Amino acid sequence: MRIKEAAELSGVSVRTLRHYDEIGLLIPAEVSKAGYRDYSDENLETLQQILFFKELGFPLRKIKEIIEDPAFDRQEALQLQHKLLVEKRNRLDKMISMIEKTIRFGKGEIIMSNEEKFEGFKFDANPYEQEARERWGEKAVDEANEHLQKLSGDEKTALAEEMNRIYRELAGLRKLPPDSAEAQAAISKWYRYLNKHFGPYSPEVFKELGRLYIDDKRFTKNIDKFGDGLAAFMAEAMEKFSEKKA
């Protein structure tokens, strides 16, 4: 399978696959004399693993260390990744429920306590974290969630409030062209927010994140709670921003 086909199949960009090759994370099975990269079924299985680890917050250098470890067991990793992603989905479900309640609260349909307003942002310990540490090492997991673990309750609340402010600002601009000065100024705040609290995010990764907002309907539904079409607007604004930063 040629690189373009592998990119289309997996949803990542050709540029990203080339980068993975350059850093030795995903080396194509064959490279023709003309320089065309060909990916095997085994390469695609490895790419799937890489994307699962990325979704869980692991930096690329740690993913490389994990999958190159002679003791790495693909099936065992899949089972644990499944548990971790289900837990992540449960947290997202709580956030979606909180947003829905907040919308009803804003319309005067229900009453919300201050505790209810932030229950979706309670970053409680993942019950599968210890298992992940045992499989992939202390340092790898620490780098995936170190920042959130350091935050106090007030800081986590402030983190959630800052995110909501940025989303509301972007929602108010979503009728403008995504490459307008106003839209780009607002999306740059989202870029800085992510890099400050969850980074590093390269311009390429930032663009890929924007694509996820429209490719994954769960993200689309969640983001569009702030305004219809916001996810698509953000995705395009993030792409324009990343092209300028690259």
Protein backbone atom coordinates (compact mmCIF):
# COMPACT_ATOMS: atom_id res chain seq x y z
CA MET A 1 0.00 0.00 0.00
CA ARG A 2 1.45 3.36 -1.07
CA ILE A 3 1.79 6.21 1.41
CA LYS A 4 -1.21 8.14 0.06
CA GLU A 5 -3.43 5.08 0.43
CA ALA A 6 -2.16 4.45 3.97
CA ALA A 7 -2.84 8.09 4.85
CA GLU A 8 -6.39 7.96 3.48
CA LEU A 9 -7.09 4.65 5.24
CA SER A 10 -5.82 5.80 8.64
CA GLY A 11 -6.96 9.42 8.54
CA VAL A 12 -3.48 10.85 9.13
CA SER A 13 -1.68 13.06 6.66
CA VAL A 14 1.04 11.98 4.24
CA ARG A 15 3.29 14.50 5.94
CA THR A 16 2.71 12.81 9.30
CA LEU A 17 3.60 9.37 7.89
CA ARG A 18 6.80 10.79 6.41
CA HIS A 19 7.63 12.26 9.80
CA TYR A 20 7.07 8.89 11.48
CA ASP A 21 9.46 7.36 8.96
CA GLU A 22 12.09 10.05 9.53
CA ILE A 23 12.12 9.51 13.30
CA GLY A 24 12.12 5.72 12.97
CA LEU A 25 8.68 5.28 14.50
CA LEU A 26 7.03 3.70 11.45
CA ILE A 27 9.43 2.61 8.71
CA PRO A 28 7.74 1.41 5.49
CA ALA A 29 8.24 -2.22 4.55
CA GLU A 30 9.74 -1.17 1.23
CA VAL A 31 10.98 1.97 -0.49
CA SER A 32 11.20 1.78 -4.27
CA LYS A 33 14.13 3.10 -6.30
CA ALA A 34 11.91 6.03 -7.20
CA GLY A 35 11.45 6.78 -3.49
CA TYR A 36 7.87 5.54 -3.13
CA ARG A 37 7.04 4.21 0.33
CA ASP A 38 5.09 0.93 0.49
CA TYR A 39 3.33 -0.10 3.72
CA SER A 40 2.65 -3.69 4.71
CA ASP A 41 -0.23 -5.05 6.79
CA GLU A 42 2.18 -5.20 9.72
CA ASN A 43 3.03 -1.53 9.20
CA LEU A 44 -0.68 -0.70 9.36
CA GLU A 45 -1.09 -2.66 12.59
CA THR A 46 1.80 -0.68 14.07
CA LEU A 47 0.23 2.57 12.86
CA GLN A 48 -3.00 1.61 14.61
CA GLN A 49 -1.06 1.09 17.84
CA ILE A 50 0.64 4.47 17.43
CA LEU A 51 -2.69 6.23 17.01
CA PHE A 52 -4.16 4.51 20.07
CA PHE A 53 -1.20 5.62 22.18
CA LYS A 54 -1.45 9.18 20.79
CA GLU A 55 -5.13 9.32 21.72
CA LEU A 56 -4.12 8.40 25.28
CA GLY A 57 -1.64 11.28 25.43
CA PHE A 58 1.69 9.51 24.96
CA PRO A 59 4.43 11.55 23.23
CA LEU A 60 5.93 10.04 20.08
CA ARG A 61 9.32 9.29 21.63
CA LYS A 62 7.63 7.24 24.36
CA ILE A 63 5.47 5.40 21.85
CA LYS A 64 8.64 4.47 19.98
CA GLU A 65 10.26 3.16 23.15
CA ILE A 66 7.17 1.11 24.04
CA ILE A 67 6.58 -0.60 20.69
CA GLU A 68 10.30 -1.31 20.17
CA ASP A 69 10.62 -2.97 23.57
CA PRO A 70 11.20 -6.73 23.03
CA ALA A 71 8.67 -7.40 25.80
CA PHE A 72 5.93 -5.43 24.02
CA ASP A 73 2.79 -7.55 23.55
CA ARG A 74 0.38 -6.13 20.95
CA GLN A 75 -2.68 -8.03 22.19
CA GLU A 76 -2.01 -7.11 25.80
CA ALA A 77 -1.57 -3.47 24.80
CA LEU A 78 -4.87 -3.49 22.91
CA GLN A 79 -6.75 -4.84 25.91
CA LEU A 80 -5.36 -2.17 28.21
CA GLN A 81 -5.84 0.59 25.63
CA HIS A 82 -9.47 -0.49 25.38
CA LYS A 83 -9.92 -0.07 29.13
CA LEU A 84 -8.23 3.33 29.14
CA LEU A 85 -10.25 4.61 26.18
CA VAL A 86 -13.54 3.41 27.69
CA GLU A 87 -12.65 5.34 30.84
CA LYS A 88 -11.87 8.40 28.71
CA ARG A 89 -15.22 8.00 26.93
CA ASN A 90 -16.98 7.88 30.29
CA ARG A 91 -15.37 11.18 31.25
CA LEU A 92 -16.46 12.73 27.95
CA ASP A 93 -20.00 11.46 28.50
CA LYS A 94 -20.03 13.23 31.87
CA MET A 95 -18.87 16.45 30.21
CA ILE A 96 -21.55 16.17 27.51
CA SER A 97 -24.22 15.63 30.16
CA MET A 98 -22.93 18.67 32.04
CA ILE A 99 -23.09 20.82 28.89
CA GLU A 100 -26.65 19.70 28.21
CA LYS A 101 -27.65 20.58 31.77
CA THR A 102 -25.91 23.95 31.49
CA ILE A 103 -27.85 24.76 28.32
CA ARG A 104 -31.12 23.95 30.08
CA PHE A 105 -29.96 25.99 33.09
CA GLY A 106 -29.24 28.94 30.80
CA LYS A 107 -32.78 28.71 29.44
CA GLY A 108 -34.19 28.69 32.97
CA GLU A 109 -35.54 25.16 32.62
CA ILE A 110 -33.63 23.67 35.58
CA ILE A 111 -31.60 24.71 38.62
CA MET A 112 -27.90 23.79 38.84
CA SER A 113 -25.70 23.89 41.90
CA ASN A 114 -22.13 25.17 41.58
CA GLU A 115 -20.90 21.60 42.11
CA GLU A 116 -23.01 20.33 39.20
CA LYS A 117 -21.62 23.00 36.89
CA PHE A 118 -18.15 21.48 37.14
CA GLU A 119 -18.76 17.80 37.78
CA GLY A 120 -17.76 16.94 34.20
CA PHE A 121 -14.33 18.43 34.78
CA LYS A 122 -13.40 16.35 37.81
CA PHE A 123 -10.13 14.76 36.75
CA ASP A 124 -10.33 11.78 39.07
CA ALA A 125 -7.67 9.08 38.99
CA ASN A 126 -8.05 6.64 36.12
CA PRO A 127 -8.62 3.15 37.61
CA TYR A 128 -6.42 1.64 34.91
CA GLU A 129 -3.47 3.97 35.41
CA GLN A 130 -1.53 1.58 37.63
CA GLU A 131 -1.94 -1.17 35.08
CA ALA A 132 -0.61 1.16 32.38
CA ARG A 133 2.38 1.99 34.55
CA GLU A 134 3.17 -1.68 34.98
CA ARG A 135 2.99 -2.30 31.24
CA TRP A 136 4.64 0.78 29.80
CA GLY A 137 6.71 2.29 32.58
CA GLU A 138 6.36 5.03 35.14
CA LYS A 139 7.90 7.80 33.06
CA ALA A 140 5.73 7.23 29.98
CA VAL A 141 2.48 7.48 31.94
CA ASP A 142 3.77 10.40 34.00
CA GLU A 143 4.48 12.40 30.85
CA ALA A 144 0.99 11.63 29.55
CA ASN A 145 -0.85 13.13 32.52
CA GLU A 146 1.74 14.96 34.64
CA HIS A 147 0.28 18.40 34.22
CA LEU A 148 -3.27 17.56 35.26
CA GLN A 149 -2.08 15.65 38.30
CA LYS A 150 -0.28 18.74 39.59
CA LEU A 151 -3.34 20.94 39.50
CA SER A 152 -5.32 21.78 42.61
CA GLY A 153 -9.11 21.70 42.64
CA ASP A 154 -9.27 25.45 42.03
CA GLU A 155 -6.76 25.21 39.20
CA LYS A 156 -8.76 22.47 37.51
CA THR A 157 -11.87 24.60 37.78
CA ALA A 158 -9.97 27.55 36.30
CA LEU A 159 -8.71 25.29 33.51
CA ALA A 160 -12.27 24.28 32.64
CA GLU A 161 -13.51 27.87 32.79
CA GLU A 162 -10.68 29.05 30.49
CA MET A 163 -11.55 26.36 27.97
CA ASN A 164 -15.22 27.36 28.03
CA ARG A 165 -14.33 31.04 27.51
CA ILE A 166 -12.28 30.22 24.42
CA TYR A 167 -15.05 28.03 23.01
CA ARG A 168 -17.66 30.72 23.62
CA GLU A 169 -15.46 33.35 21.94
CA LEU A 170 -14.95 31.11 18.91
CA ALA A 171 -18.68 30.35 18.78
CA GLY A 172 -19.36 34.08 18.56
CA LEU A 173 -17.03 34.36 15.55
CA ARG A 174 -18.10 31.24 13.66
CA LYS A 175 -20.01 33.19 11.00
CA LEU A 176 -16.78 34.94 9.95
CA PRO A 177 -14.27 33.46 7.48
CA PRO A 178 -11.98 31.04 9.39
CA ASP A 179 -8.91 32.86 8.06
CA SER A 180 -10.15 36.29 9.18
CA ALA A 181 -7.99 38.22 11.62
CA GLU A 182 -10.58 37.86 14.37
CA ALA A 183 -10.94 34.10 13.91
CA GLN A 184 -7.19 33.56 13.75
CA ALA A 185 -6.62 35.62 16.88
CA ALA A 186 -9.18 33.51 18.74
CA ILE A 187 -7.89 30.17 17.45
CA SER A 188 -4.36 31.17 18.48
CA LYS A 189 -5.67 31.33 22.06
CA TRP A 190 -6.80 27.69 21.71
CA TYR A 191 -3.36 26.76 20.35
CA ARG A 192 -1.61 28.46 23.28
CA TYR A 193 -4.05 26.88 25.75
CA LEU A 194 -3.34 23.37 24.48
CA ASN A 195 0.42 23.91 24.46
CA LYS A 196 0.41 25.43 27.92
CA HIS A 197 -1.66 22.72 29.57
CA PHE A 198 -1.40 19.61 27.37
CA GLY A 199 1.51 20.22 24.99
CA PRO A 200 3.63 20.22 23.11
CA TYR A 201 1.34 20.58 20.08
CA SER A 202 3.13 21.17 16.78
CA PRO A 203 1.22 23.05 14.05
CA GLU A 204 0.78 19.73 12.22
CA VAL A 205 -0.67 17.99 15.29
CA PHE A 206 -2.90 21.02 15.91
CA LYS A 207 -4.28 20.70 12.38
CA GLU A 208 -4.82 16.96 12.83
CA LEU A 209 -6.70 17.68 16.05
CA GLY A 210 -8.99 20.01 14.12
CA ARG A 211 -9.71 17.24 11.63
CA LEU A 212 -10.70 15.01 14.52
CA TYR A 213 -13.34 17.57 15.52
CA ILE A 214 -15.23 16.87 12.30
CA ASP A 215 -14.20 13.25 11.63
CA ASP A 216 -15.34 12.01 15.04
CA LYS A 217 -19.03 12.79 15.47
CA ARG A 218 -18.72 12.59 19.25
CA PHE A 219 -16.35 15.57 19.19
CA THR A 220 -18.56 17.38 16.68
CA LYS A 221 -21.65 16.96 18.85
CA ASN A 222 -19.78 18.05 21.98
CA ILE A 223 -18.21 21.16 20.43
CA ASP A 224 -21.37 22.19 18.56
CA LYS A 225 -23.13 22.46 21.92
CA PHE A 226 -21.49 25.90 22.05
CA GLY A 227 -22.93 26.80 18.65
CA ASP A 228 -24.05 24.97 15.50
CA GLY A 229 -21.16 24.55 13.08
CA LEU A 230 -18.48 25.45 15.61
CA ALA A 231 -16.55 22.19 15.15
CA ALA A 232 -16.26 22.67 11.39
CA PHE A 233 -15.34 26.34 11.86
CA MET A 234 -12.61 25.46 14.37
CA ALA A 235 -11.24 22.70 12.15
CA GLU A 236 -10.82 25.07 9.22
CA ALA A 237 -9.45 27.88 11.39
CA MET A 238 -6.94 25.45 12.94
CA GLU A 239 -5.85 24.33 9.47
CA LYS A 240 -5.31 27.92 8.31
CA PHE A 241 -3.46 28.74 11.53
CA SER A 242 -1.20 25.68 11.19
CA GLU A 243 -0.34 26.45 7.57
CA LYS A 244 0.85 29.91 8.60
CA LYS A 245 2.86 28.52 11.53
CA ALA A 246 4.51 25.70 9.51
